[in-house]
Amino acid sequence: METSSPALSVAIGVLAVLFGLTGFGVYQAFGPPSKGLEDPFDDHDD
């Protein structure tokens, strides 16, 4: 069985972190925590 190259391991790790951060951002924007977000444009009276 061949061992994988260190570059492949680093690339997979970076990809996993990026997917994790993207998923967390989507969860924060559209999931249950989004109820606490406020729109500053709606709060501003013209």
Protein backbone atom coordinates (compact mmCIF):
# COMPACT_ATOMS: atom_id res chain seq x y z
CA MET A 1 0.00 0.00 0.00
CA GLU A 2 1.42 3.35 -1.02
CA THR A 3 1.55 6.31 1.30
CA SER A 4 -0.08 9.53 0.14
CA SER A 5 2.00 12.63 -0.42
CA PRO A 6 2.06 15.34 2.25
CA ALA A 7 0.80 17.88 -0.29
CA LEU A 8 -2.36 15.83 -0.80
CA SER A 9 -2.96 15.66 2.94
CA VAL A 10 -2.53 19.42 3.30
CA ALA A 11 -4.82 20.10 0.33
CA ILE A 12 -7.53 17.85 1.75
CA GLY A 13 -7.18 19.54 5.15
CA VAL A 14 -7.48 23.02 3.66
CA LEU A 15 -10.46 21.93 1.58
CA ALA A 16 -12.17 20.48 4.66
CA VAL A 17 -11.63 23.72 6.59
CA LEU A 18 -13.01 25.81 3.72
CA PHE A 19 -16.09 23.59 3.41
CA GLY A 20 -16.58 23.75 7.17
CA LEU A 21 -16.40 27.55 7.23
CA THR A 22 -18.74 27.80 4.26
CA GLY A 23 -21.24 25.47 5.90
CA PHE A 24 -21.04 27.41 9.16
CA GLY A 25 -21.60 30.69 7.32
CA VAL A 26 -24.66 29.34 5.52
CA TYR A 27 -25.99 27.98 8.82
CA GLN A 28 -25.49 31.37 10.50
CA ALA A 29 -27.12 33.23 7.60
CA PHE A 30 -30.15 31.02 6.99
CA GLY A 31 -30.48 28.69 10.00
CA PRO A 32 -32.00 29.27 13.43
CA PRO A 33 -29.31 31.81 14.50
CA SER A 34 -30.47 34.12 11.69
CA LYS A 35 -33.51 35.09 13.77
CA GLY A 36 -31.24 37.27 15.92
CA LEU A 37 -29.77 39.14 12.96
CA GLU A 38 -31.01 42.66 12.33
CA ASP A 39 -31.05 44.63 9.08
CA PRO A 40 -29.59 48.11 9.68
CA PHE A 41 -31.40 49.44 6.60
CA ASP A 42 -34.77 48.48 8.10
CA ASP A 43 -33.88 50.20 11.38
CA HIS A 44 -32.96 53.47 9.67
CA ASP A 45 -35.80 55.96 9.27
CA ASP A 46 -35.64 58.22 6.24
